[in-house]
Amino acid sequence: MKDKSHRIIKPTINTPTISDILLQNGTASLKDFYPLTKVKTEADKESLAAKGYAPGYTVSE
């Protein structure tokens, strides 16, 4: 019998994202998310960071 303790589980097309998990378990709602396509300048990043978001990069970066 094969040892199944080290099986590799391949993600499927339906693998949930972190956002999916947060929405499903009630930890977050859509109003908690900010579309990163609207982060266009360094000032946008700073404004969002001050509000508790972690925008990462601007659109041009």
PDB file of N, CA and C in Angstrom:
ATOM      1  N   MET A   1       0.840  -1.170   0.000  1.00  0.00           N
ATOM      2  CA  MET A   1       0.000   0.000   0.000  1.00  0.00           C
ATOM      3  C   MET A   1       0.894   1.245   0.000  1.00  0.00           C
ATOM      4  N   LYS A   2       0.514   2.232  -0.778  1.00  0.00           N
ATOM      5  CA  LYS A   2       1.290   3.462  -0.851  1.00  0.00           C
ATOM      6  C   LYS A   2       1.054   4.321   0.383  1.00  0.00           C
ATOM      7  N   ASP A   3       2.115   4.994   0.805  1.00  0.00           N
ATOM      8  CA  ASP A   3       2.001   5.939   1.920  1.00  0.00           C
ATOM      9  C   ASP A   3       1.364   7.223   1.393  1.00  0.00           C
ATOM     10  N   LYS A   4       0.181   7.561   1.898  1.00  0.00           N
ATOM     11  CA  LYS A   4      -0.544   8.733   1.419  1.00  0.00           C
ATOM     12  C   LYS A   4      -0.295   9.971   2.266  1.00  0.00           C
ATOM     13  N   SER A   5       0.639   9.907   3.213  1.00  0.00           N
ATOM     14  CA  SER A   5       0.872  11.051   4.099  1.00  0.00           C
ATOM     15  C   SER A   5       1.572  12.204   3.384  1.00  0.00           C
ATOM     16  N   HIS A   6       2.152  11.942   2.224  1.00  0.00           N
ATOM     17  CA  HIS A   6       2.861  12.991   1.500  1.00  0.00           C
ATOM     18  C   HIS A   6       2.267  13.244   0.116  1.00  0.00           C
ATOM     19  N   ARG A   7       0.964  13.108   0.016  1.00  0.00           N
ATOM     20  CA  ARG A   7       0.315  13.346  -1.274  1.00  0.00           C
ATOM     21  C   ARG A   7       0.386  14.822  -1.627  1.00  0.00           C
ATOM     22  N   ILE A   8       0.556  15.097  -2.882  1.00  0.00           N
ATOM     23  CA  ILE A   8       0.509  16.470  -3.375  1.00  0.00           C
ATOM     24  C   ILE A   8      -0.886  16.703  -3.932  1.00  0.00           C
ATOM     25  N   ILE A   9      -1.545  17.719  -3.427  1.00  0.00           N
ATOM     26  CA  ILE A   9      -2.884  18.045  -3.899  1.00  0.00           C
ATOM     27  C   ILE A   9      -2.759  19.154  -4.926  1.00  0.00           C
ATOM     28  N   LYS A  10      -3.140  18.857  -6.125  1.00  0.00           N
ATOM     29  CA  LYS A  10      -3.062  19.842  -7.194  1.00  0.00           C
ATOM     30  C   LYS A  10      -4.274  20.766  -7.128  1.00  0.00           C
ATOM     31  N   PRO A  11      -4.024  22.088  -7.214  1.00  0.00           N
ATOM     32  CA  PRO A  11      -5.172  23.008  -7.207  1.00  0.00           C
ATOM     33  C   PRO A  11      -6.019  22.816  -8.452  1.00  0.00           C
ATOM     34  N   THR A  12      -7.302  22.989  -8.291  1.00  0.00           N
ATOM     35  CA  THR A  12      -8.200  22.901  -9.433  1.00  0.00           C
ATOM     36  C   THR A  12      -8.617  24.304  -9.838  1.00  0.00           C
ATOM     37  N   ILE A  13      -9.361  24.397 -10.897  1.00  0.00           N
ATOM     38  CA  ILE A  13      -9.828  25.693 -11.364  1.00  0.00           C
ATOM     39  C   ILE A  13     -10.753  26.348 -10.335  1.00  0.00           C
ATOM     40  N   ASN A  14     -11.320  25.562  -9.431  1.00  0.00           N
ATOM     41  CA  ASN A  14     -12.247  26.079  -8.427  1.00  0.00           C
ATOM     42  C   ASN A  14     -11.591  26.332  -7.072  1.00  0.00           C
ATOM     43  N   THR A  15     -10.255  26.313  -7.010  1.00  0.00           N
ATOM     44  CA  THR A  15      -9.572  26.571  -5.755  1.00  0.00           C
ATOM     45  C   THR A  15      -9.903  27.978  -5.280  1.00  0.00           C
ATOM     46  N   PRO A  16     -10.401  28.135  -4.056  1.00  0.00           N
ATOM     47  CA  PRO A  16     -10.788  29.465  -3.586  1.00  0.00           C
ATOM     48  C   PRO A  16      -9.571  30.345  -3.312  1.00  0.00           C
ATOM     49  N   THR A  17      -9.729  31.630  -3.548  1.00  0.00           N
ATOM     50  CA  THR A  17      -8.694  32.599  -3.228  1.00  0.00           C
ATOM     51  C   THR A  17      -8.849  33.021  -1.773  1.00  0.00           C
ATOM     52  N   ILE A  18      -7.902  33.758  -1.258  1.00  0.00           N
ATOM     53  CA  ILE A  18      -8.012  34.275   0.105  1.00  0.00           C
ATOM     54  C   ILE A  18      -9.257  35.133   0.230  1.00  0.00           C
ATOM     55  N   SER A  19      -9.530  35.945  -0.782  1.00  0.00           N
ATOM     56  CA  SER A  19     -10.732  36.786  -0.764  1.00  0.00           C
ATOM     57  C   SER A  19     -11.992  35.931  -0.685  1.00  0.00           C
ATOM     58  N   ASP A  20     -12.033  34.844  -1.451  1.00  0.00           N
ATOM     59  CA  ASP A  20     -13.188  33.934  -1.417  1.00  0.00           C
ATOM     60  C   ASP A  20     -13.405  33.387  -0.011  1.00  0.00           C
ATOM     61  N   ILE A  21     -12.322  32.972   0.628  1.00  0.00           N
ATOM     62  CA  ILE A  21     -12.417  32.383   1.963  1.00  0.00           C
ATOM     63  C   ILE A  21     -12.927  33.415   2.963  1.00  0.00           C
ATOM     64  N   LEU A  22     -12.393  34.623   2.909  1.00  0.00           N
ATOM     65  CA  LEU A  22     -12.828  35.667   3.838  1.00  0.00           C
ATOM     66  C   LEU A  22     -14.302  36.004   3.645  1.00  0.00           C
ATOM     67  N   LEU A  23     -14.742  36.043   2.397  1.00  0.00           N
ATOM     68  CA  LEU A  23     -16.143  36.339   2.122  1.00  0.00           C
ATOM     69  C   LEU A  23     -17.045  35.201   2.586  1.00  0.00           C
ATOM     70  N   GLN A  24     -16.610  33.963   2.370  1.00  0.00           N
ATOM     71  CA  GLN A  24     -17.425  32.803   2.718  1.00  0.00           C
ATOM     72  C   GLN A  24     -17.570  32.626   4.229  1.00  0.00           C
ATOM     73  N   ASN A  25     -16.513  32.913   4.987  1.00  0.00           N
ATOM     74  CA  ASN A  25     -16.609  32.671   6.428  1.00  0.00           C
ATOM     75  C   ASN A  25     -17.100  33.886   7.196  1.00  0.00           C
ATOM     76  N   GLY A  26     -17.445  34.952   6.486  1.00  0.00           N
ATOM     77  CA  GLY A  26     -18.025  36.124   7.133  1.00  0.00           C
ATOM     78  C   GLY A  26     -17.018  37.069   7.755  1.00  0.00           C
ATOM     79  N   THR A  27     -15.729  36.832   7.537  1.00  0.00           N
ATOM     80  CA  THR A  27     -14.691  37.698   8.085  1.00  0.00           C
ATOM     81  C   THR A  27     -14.651  39.041   7.359  1.00  0.00           C
ATOM     82  N   ALA A  28     -15.027  39.047   6.093  1.00  0.00           N
ATOM     83  CA  ALA A  28     -14.984  40.265   5.292  1.00  0.00           C
ATOM     84  C   ALA A  28     -16.200  40.316   4.385  1.00  0.00           C
ATOM     85  N   SER A  29     -16.494  41.500   3.891  1.00  0.00           N
ATOM     86  CA  SER A  29     -17.565  41.658   2.910  1.00  0.00           C
ATOM     87  C   SER A  29     -17.009  42.472   1.747  1.00  0.00           C
ATOM     88  N   LEU A  30     -17.753  42.565   0.678  1.00  0.00           N
ATOM     89  CA  LEU A  30     -17.261  43.276  -0.498  1.00  0.00           C
ATOM     90  C   LEU A  30     -16.927  44.732  -0.204  1.00  0.00           C
ATOM     91  N   LYS A  31     -17.632  45.346   0.743  1.00  0.00           N
ATOM     92  CA  LYS A  31     -17.343  46.746   1.058  1.00  0.00           C
ATOM     93  C   LYS A  31     -15.980  46.903   1.724  1.00  0.00           C
ATOM     94  N   ASP A  32     -15.387  45.790   2.209  1.00  0.00           N
ATOM     95  CA  ASP A  32     -14.067  45.839   2.833  1.00  0.00           C
ATOM     96  C   ASP A  32     -12.928  45.833   1.819  1.00  0.00           C
ATOM     97  N   PHE A  33     -13.229  45.540   0.576  1.00  0.00           N
ATOM     98  CA  PHE A  33     -12.204  45.461  -0.458  1.00  0.00           C
ATOM     99  C   PHE A  33     -12.128  46.767  -1.242  1.00  0.00           C
ATOM    100  N   TYR A  34     -10.941  47.081  -1.759  1.00  0.00           N
ATOM    101  CA  TYR A  34     -10.728  48.293  -2.548  1.00  0.00           C
ATOM    102  C   TYR A  34     -10.140  47.865  -3.888  1.00  0.00           C
ATOM    103  N   PRO A  35     -10.709  48.319  -5.010  1.00  0.00           N
ATOM    104  CA  PRO A  35     -10.171  47.906  -6.311  1.00  0.00           C
ATOM    105  C   PRO A  35      -8.784  48.508  -6.540  1.00  0.00           C
ATOM    106  N   LEU A  36      -7.791  47.666  -6.648  1.00  0.00           N
ATOM    107  CA  LEU A  36      -6.421  48.151  -6.795  1.00  0.00           C
ATOM    108  C   LEU A  36      -6.182  48.868  -8.122  1.00  0.00           C
ATOM    109  N   THR A  37      -7.074  48.715  -9.083  1.00  0.00           N
ATOM    110  CA  THR A  37      -6.934  49.453 -10.342  1.00  0.00           C
ATOM    111  C   THR A  37      -7.120  50.950 -10.125  1.00  0.00           C
ATOM    112  N   LYS A  38      -7.678  51.330  -8.981  1.00  0.00           N
ATOM    113  CA  LYS A  38      -7.847  52.748  -8.670  1.00  0.00           C
ATOM    114  C   LYS A  38      -6.630  53.343  -7.964  1.00  0.00           C
ATOM    115  N   VAL A  39      -5.647  52.522  -7.651  1.00  0.00           N
ATOM    116  CA  VAL A  39      -4.427  52.993  -6.998  1.00  0.00           C
ATOM    117  C   VAL A  39      -3.445  53.400  -8.095  1.00  0.00           C
ATOM    118  N   LYS A  40      -3.408  54.695  -8.389  1.00  0.00           N
ATOM    119  CA  LYS A  40      -2.614  55.156  -9.530  1.00  0.00           C
ATOM    120  C   LYS A  40      -1.406  55.991  -9.147  1.00  0.00           C
ATOM    121  N   THR A  41      -1.387  56.548  -7.954  1.00  0.00           N
ATOM    122  CA  THR A  41      -0.274  57.412  -7.554  1.00  0.00           C
ATOM    123  C   THR A  41       0.224  57.021  -6.169  1.00  0.00           C
ATOM    124  N   GLU A  42       1.386  57.541  -5.840  1.00  0.00           N
ATOM    125  CA  GLU A  42       1.933  57.316  -4.502  1.00  0.00           C
ATOM    126  C   GLU A  42       0.999  57.913  -3.445  1.00  0.00           C
ATOM    127  N   ALA A  43       0.367  59.037  -3.780  1.00  0.00           N
ATOM    128  CA  ALA A  43      -0.586  59.665  -2.854  1.00  0.00           C
ATOM    129  C   ALA A  43      -1.784  58.745  -2.602  1.00  0.00           C
ATOM    130  N   ASP A  44      -2.242  58.032  -3.646  1.00  0.00           N
ATOM    131  CA  ASP A  44      -3.333  57.062  -3.476  1.00  0.00           C
ATOM    132  C   ASP A  44      -2.917  55.977  -2.481  1.00  0.00           C
ATOM    133  N   LYS A  45      -1.680  55.466  -2.632  1.00  0.00           N
ATOM    134  CA  LYS A  45      -1.183  54.433  -1.729  1.00  0.00           C
ATOM    135  C   LYS A  45      -1.133  54.936  -0.294  1.00  0.00           C
ATOM    136  N   GLU A  46      -0.621  56.151  -0.112  1.00  0.00           N
ATOM    137  CA  GLU A  46      -0.497  56.701   1.228  1.00  0.00           C
ATOM    138  C   GLU A  46      -1.877  56.907   1.861  1.00  0.00           C
ATOM    139  N   SER A  47      -2.823  57.388   1.070  1.00  0.00           N
ATOM    140  CA  SER A  47      -4.177  57.603   1.563  1.00  0.00           C
ATOM    141  C   SER A  47      -4.815  56.287   2.003  1.00  0.00           C
ATOM    142  N   LEU A  48      -4.659  55.262   1.197  1.00  0.00           N
ATOM    143  CA  LEU A  48      -5.221  53.953   1.539  1.00  0.00           C
ATOM    144  C   LEU A  48      -4.532  53.344   2.753  1.00  0.00           C
ATOM    145  N   ALA A  49      -3.217  53.500   2.835  1.00  0.00           N
ATOM    146  CA  ALA A  49      -2.480  52.967   3.984  1.00  0.00           C
ATOM    147  C   ALA A  49      -2.961  53.631   5.276  1.00  0.00           C
ATOM    148  N   ALA A  50      -3.254  54.920   5.206  1.00  0.00           N
ATOM    149  CA  ALA A  50      -3.753  55.645   6.380  1.00  0.00           C
ATOM    150  C   ALA A  50      -5.127  55.125   6.815  1.00  0.00           C
ATOM    151  N   LYS A  51      -5.873  54.530   5.872  1.00  0.00           N
ATOM    152  CA  LYS A  51      -7.199  53.983   6.174  1.00  0.00           C
ATOM    153  C   LYS A  51      -7.144  52.505   6.561  1.00  0.00           C
ATOM    154  N   GLY A  52      -5.928  51.935   6.608  1.00  0.00           N
ATOM    155  CA  GLY A  52      -5.776  50.543   7.021  1.00  0.00           C
ATOM    156  C   GLY A  52      -5.645  49.539   5.892  1.00  0.00           C
ATOM    157  N   TYR A  53      -5.643  49.998   4.645  1.00  0.00           N
ATOM    158  CA  TYR A  53      -5.457  49.092   3.510  1.00  0.00           C
ATOM    159  C   TYR A  53      -3.965  48.872   3.281  1.00  0.00           C
ATOM    160  N   ALA A  54      -3.621  47.811   2.583  1.00  0.00           N
ATOM    161  CA  ALA A  54      -2.242  47.532   2.192  1.00  0.00           C
ATOM    162  C   ALA A  54      -2.204  47.408   0.675  1.00  0.00           C
ATOM    163  N   PRO A  55      -2.176  48.539  -0.048  1.00  0.00           N
ATOM    164  CA  PRO A  55      -2.318  48.503  -1.498  1.00  0.00           C
ATOM    165  C   PRO A  55      -1.155  47.894  -2.261  1.00  0.00           C
ATOM    166  N   GLY A  56       0.049  47.906  -1.729  1.00  0.00           N
ATOM    167  CA  GLY A  56       1.175  47.295  -2.432  1.00  0.00           C
ATOM    168  C   GLY A  56       1.729  48.169  -3.527  1.00  0.00           C
ATOM    169  N   TYR A  57       1.202  48.047  -4.745  1.00  0.00           N
ATOM    170  CA  TYR A  57       1.730  48.746  -5.906  1.00  0.00           C
ATOM    171  C   TYR A  57       0.671  49.635  -6.551  1.00  0.00           C
ATOM    172  N   THR A  58       1.149  50.642  -7.283  1.00  0.00           N
ATOM    173  CA  THR A  58       0.239  51.442  -8.093  1.00  0.00           C
ATOM    174  C   THR A  58       0.041  50.723  -9.423  1.00  0.00           C
ATOM    175  N   VAL A  59      -0.908  51.177 -10.218  1.00  0.00           N
ATOM    176  CA  VAL A  59      -1.181  50.549 -11.514  1.00  0.00           C
ATOM    177  C   VAL A  59       0.066  50.567 -12.402  1.00  0.00           C
ATOM    178  N   SER A  60       0.815  51.667 -12.398  1.00  0.00           N
ATOM    179  CA  SER A  60       1.966  51.794 -13.291  1.00  0.00           C
ATOM    180  C   SER A  60       3.178  51.007 -12.805  1.00  0.00           C
ATOM    181  N   GLU A  61       3.193  50.617 -11.545  1.00  0.00           N
ATOM    182  CA  GLU A  61       4.321  49.852 -11.036  1.00  0.00           C
ATOM    183  C   GLU A  61       4.203  48.405 -11.470  1.00  0.00           C
TER     184      GLU A  61
END
